[in-house]
C-alpha atoms as a PDB file:
ATOM      1  CA  MET A   1      66.062 -97.301 -54.154  1.00  0.00           C
ATOM      2  CA  ALA A   2      64.683 -99.103 -57.107  1.00  0.00           C
ATOM      3  CA  PRO A   3      63.440 -96.951 -59.955  1.00  0.00           C
ATOM      4  CA  ASN A   4      59.674 -97.286 -60.616  1.00  0.00           C
ATOM      5  CA  PRO A   5      59.246 -99.401 -63.954  1.00  0.00           C
ATOM      6  CA  THR A   6      55.388 -98.116 -64.270  1.00  0.00           C
ATOM      7  CA  SER A   7      56.789 -94.438 -64.656  1.00  0.00           C
ATOM      8  CA  ARG A   8      57.410 -93.158 -67.982  1.00  0.00           C
ATOM      9  CA  GLN A   9      58.367 -90.117 -69.787  1.00  0.00           C
ATOM     10  CA  PRO A  10      55.801 -87.777 -71.195  1.00  0.00           C
ATOM     11  CA  ARG A  11      55.795 -87.743 -75.160  1.00  0.00           C
ATOM     12  CA  TRP A  12      56.238 -84.478 -76.884  1.00  0.00           C
ATOM     13  CA  TYR A  13      52.914 -85.098 -78.905  1.00  0.00           C
ATOM     14  CA  SER A  14      50.669 -85.155 -75.885  1.00  0.00           C
ATOM     15  CA  ILE A  15      51.501 -81.440 -75.126  1.00  0.00           C
ATOM     16  CA  PRO A  16      49.517 -80.122 -78.240  1.00  0.00           C
ATOM     17  CA  VAL A  17      46.665 -82.633 -77.494  1.00  0.00           C
ATOM     18  CA  ARG A  18      46.468 -81.356 -73.783  1.00  0.00           C
ATOM     19  CA  VAL A  19      46.722 -77.715 -74.781  1.00  0.00           C
ATOM     20  CA  LEU A  20      43.938 -77.940 -77.311  1.00  0.00           C
ATOM     21  CA  LEU A  21      41.661 -79.868 -75.281  1.00  0.00           C
ATOM     22  CA  VAL A  22      42.099 -77.487 -72.180  1.00  0.00           C
ATOM     23  CA  THR A  23      41.823 -74.375 -74.650  1.00  0.00           C
ATOM     24  CA  PHE A  24      38.439 -76.063 -75.995  1.00  0.00           C
ATOM     25  CA  ILE A  25      37.021 -76.490 -72.622  1.00  0.00           C
ATOM     26  CA  GLY A  26      38.117 -73.183 -71.201  1.00  0.00           C
ATOM     27  CA  THR A  27      36.858 -71.568 -74.221  1.00  0.00           C
ATOM     28  CA  LEU A  28      33.385 -72.995 -74.086  1.00  0.00           C
ATOM     29  CA  ILE A  29      33.067 -72.257 -70.202  1.00  0.00           C
ATOM     30  CA  SER A  30      34.142 -68.603 -70.837  1.00  0.00           C
ATOM     31  CA  PHE A  31      31.524 -68.655 -73.621  1.00  0.00           C
ATOM     32  CA  ALA A  32      28.668 -69.956 -71.606  1.00  0.00           C
ATOM     33  CA  VAL A  33      29.349 -67.372 -68.801  1.00  0.00           C
ATOM     34  CA  SER A  34      29.837 -64.228 -70.861  1.00  0.00           C
ATOM     35  CA  LEU A  35      26.572 -65.334 -72.613  1.00  0.00           C
ATOM     36  CA  LEU A  36      24.630 -65.704 -69.499  1.00  0.00           C
ATOM     37  CA  LEU A  37      25.893 -62.264 -68.382  1.00  0.00           C
ATOM     38  CA  ALA A  38      25.242 -60.915 -71.706  1.00  0.00           C
ATOM     39  CA  ILE A  39      21.689 -62.115 -71.689  1.00  0.00           C
ATOM     40  CA  VAL A  40      21.051 -61.134 -68.038  1.00  0.00           C
ATOM     41  CA  GLY A  41      22.251 -57.484 -69.047  1.00  0.00           C
ATOM     42  CA  THR A  42      20.557 -57.472 -72.136  1.00  0.00           C
ATOM     43  CA  VAL A  43      17.088 -58.153 -70.506  1.00  0.00           C
ATOM     44  CA  ILE A  44      17.662 -55.798 -67.615  1.00  0.00           C
ATOM     45  CA  VAL A  45      18.273 -52.923 -70.276  1.00  0.00           C
ATOM     46  CA  ALA A  46      15.599 -53.938 -72.304  1.00  0.00           C
ATOM     47  CA  ARG A  47      13.394 -53.631 -69.197  1.00  0.00           C
ATOM     48  CA  VAL A  48      14.747 -50.416 -68.167  1.00  0.00           C
ATOM     49  CA  ARG A  49      14.114 -48.875 -71.927  1.00  0.00           C
ATOM     50  CA  GLY A  50      10.704 -50.686 -72.064  1.00  0.00           C
ATOM     51  CA  VAL A  51      11.572 -52.297 -75.172  1.00  0.00           C
ATOM     52  CA  HIS A  52      11.738 -55.916 -76.308  1.00  0.00           C
ATOM     53  CA  PRO A  53      15.165 -57.386 -75.748  1.00  0.00           C
ATOM     54  CA  ASP A  54      17.217 -58.368 -78.778  1.00  0.00           C
ATOM     55  CA  MET A  55      19.338 -61.446 -77.822  1.00  0.00           C
ATOM     56  CA  THR A  56      21.489 -61.495 -81.006  1.00  0.00           C
ATOM     57  CA  VAL A  57      23.511 -58.557 -79.311  1.00  0.00           C
ATOM     58  CA  ALA A  58      24.230 -60.461 -76.236  1.00  0.00           C
ATOM     59  CA  TYR A  59      25.512 -63.312 -78.594  1.00  0.00           C
ATOM     60  CA  ARG A  60      27.480 -61.201 -81.257  1.00  0.00           C
ATOM     61  CA  GLN A  61      28.513 -58.175 -79.486  1.00  0.00           C
ATOM     62  CA  PHE A  62      29.575 -59.590 -75.843  1.00  0.00           C
ATOM     63  CA  ALA A  63      29.735 -63.480 -75.731  1.00  0.00           C
ATOM     64  CA  MET A  64      31.668 -64.164 -78.864  1.00  0.00           C
ATOM     65  CA  PRO A  65      34.481 -61.592 -78.609  1.00  0.00           C
ATOM     66  CA  ALA A  66      34.750 -62.359 -74.816  1.00  0.00           C
ATOM     67  CA  ALA A  67      35.118 -66.196 -75.609  1.00  0.00           C
ATOM     68  CA  VAL A  68      37.796 -65.562 -78.470  1.00  0.00           C
ATOM     69  CA  GLY A  69      39.681 -63.270 -76.096  1.00  0.00           C
ATOM     70  CA  ALA A  70      39.551 -65.793 -73.341  1.00  0.00           C
ATOM     71  CA  GLY A  71      40.358 -68.626 -75.614  1.00  0.00           C
ATOM     72  CA  SER A  72      43.366 -66.814 -76.914  1.00  0.00           C
ATOM     73  CA  ILE A  73      44.790 -66.191 -73.261  1.00  0.00           C
ATOM     74  CA  ILE A  74      43.985 -69.760 -72.241  1.00  0.00           C
ATOM     75  CA  PHE A  75      45.980 -71.126 -75.059  1.00  0.00           C
ATOM     76  CA  VAL A  76      49.147 -69.023 -74.479  1.00  0.00           C
ATOM     77  CA  VAL A  77      48.973 -69.848 -70.645  1.00  0.00           C
ATOM     78  CA  ILE A  78      48.305 -73.553 -70.986  1.00  0.00           C
ATOM     79  CA  LEU A  79      50.842 -73.795 -73.946  1.00  0.00           C
ATOM     80  CA  VAL A  80      53.776 -72.333 -71.523  1.00  0.00           C
ATOM     81  CA  ALA A  81      52.764 -74.166 -68.652  1.00  0.00           C
ATOM     82  CA  GLU A  82      52.925 -77.503 -70.578  1.00  0.00           C
ATOM     83  CA  ILE A  83      56.091 -76.738 -71.964  1.00  0.00           C
ATOM     84  CA  ARG A  84      57.395 -75.989 -68.794  1.00  0.00           C
ATOM     85  CA  HIS A  85      56.270 -78.950 -67.194  1.00  0.00           C
ATOM     86  CA  ASP A  86      57.628 -81.165 -70.162  1.00  0.00           C
ATOM     87  CA  ARG A  87      61.349 -79.570 -69.325  1.00  0.00           C
ATOM     88  CA  GLN A  88      60.831 -79.929 -65.403  1.00  0.00           C
ATOM     89  CA  VAL A  89      59.990 -83.754 -65.974  1.00  0.00           C
ATOM     90  CA  LYS A  90      62.892 -84.128 -68.499  1.00  0.00           C
ATOM     91  CA  THR A  91      65.323 -82.741 -66.237  1.00  0.00           C
ATOM     92  CA  LEU A  92      64.179 -84.259 -63.128  1.00  0.00           C
ATOM     93  CA  ALA A  93      64.513 -87.566 -65.102  1.00  0.00           C
ATOM     94  CA  ARG A  94      68.007 -86.893 -65.819  1.00  0.00           C
ATOM     95  CA  ILE A  95      68.974 -86.152 -62.126  1.00  0.00           C
ATOM     96  CA  GLU A  96      67.280 -89.391 -61.100  1.00  0.00           C
ATOM     97  CA  ARG A  97      69.399 -91.536 -63.723  1.00  0.00           C
ATOM     98  CA  MET A  98      72.611 -89.628 -62.755  1.00  0.00           C
ATOM     99  CA  GLY A  99      72.230 -90.164 -58.859  1.00  0.00           C
END
């Protein structure tokens, strides 16, 4: 079986780029979802209490901390996954060269 000339080894500098990109996108999505849920909750609580809803509470007290927490978790998980994937690809390439 002839080796595939178009396959190439992943470069180490692509790992941080992928990690930061996925972390950024995941953080934005978690911020948007948590902000939506916080706004809905704030409106419901304001209706029950009969007061005007304060939307800055939804942003400052709920959405921002949730996004920071989710972004931190996403960063660590994606970093570990990318490093494991890079090591696996390198190991499989070495095994392929040997055989």
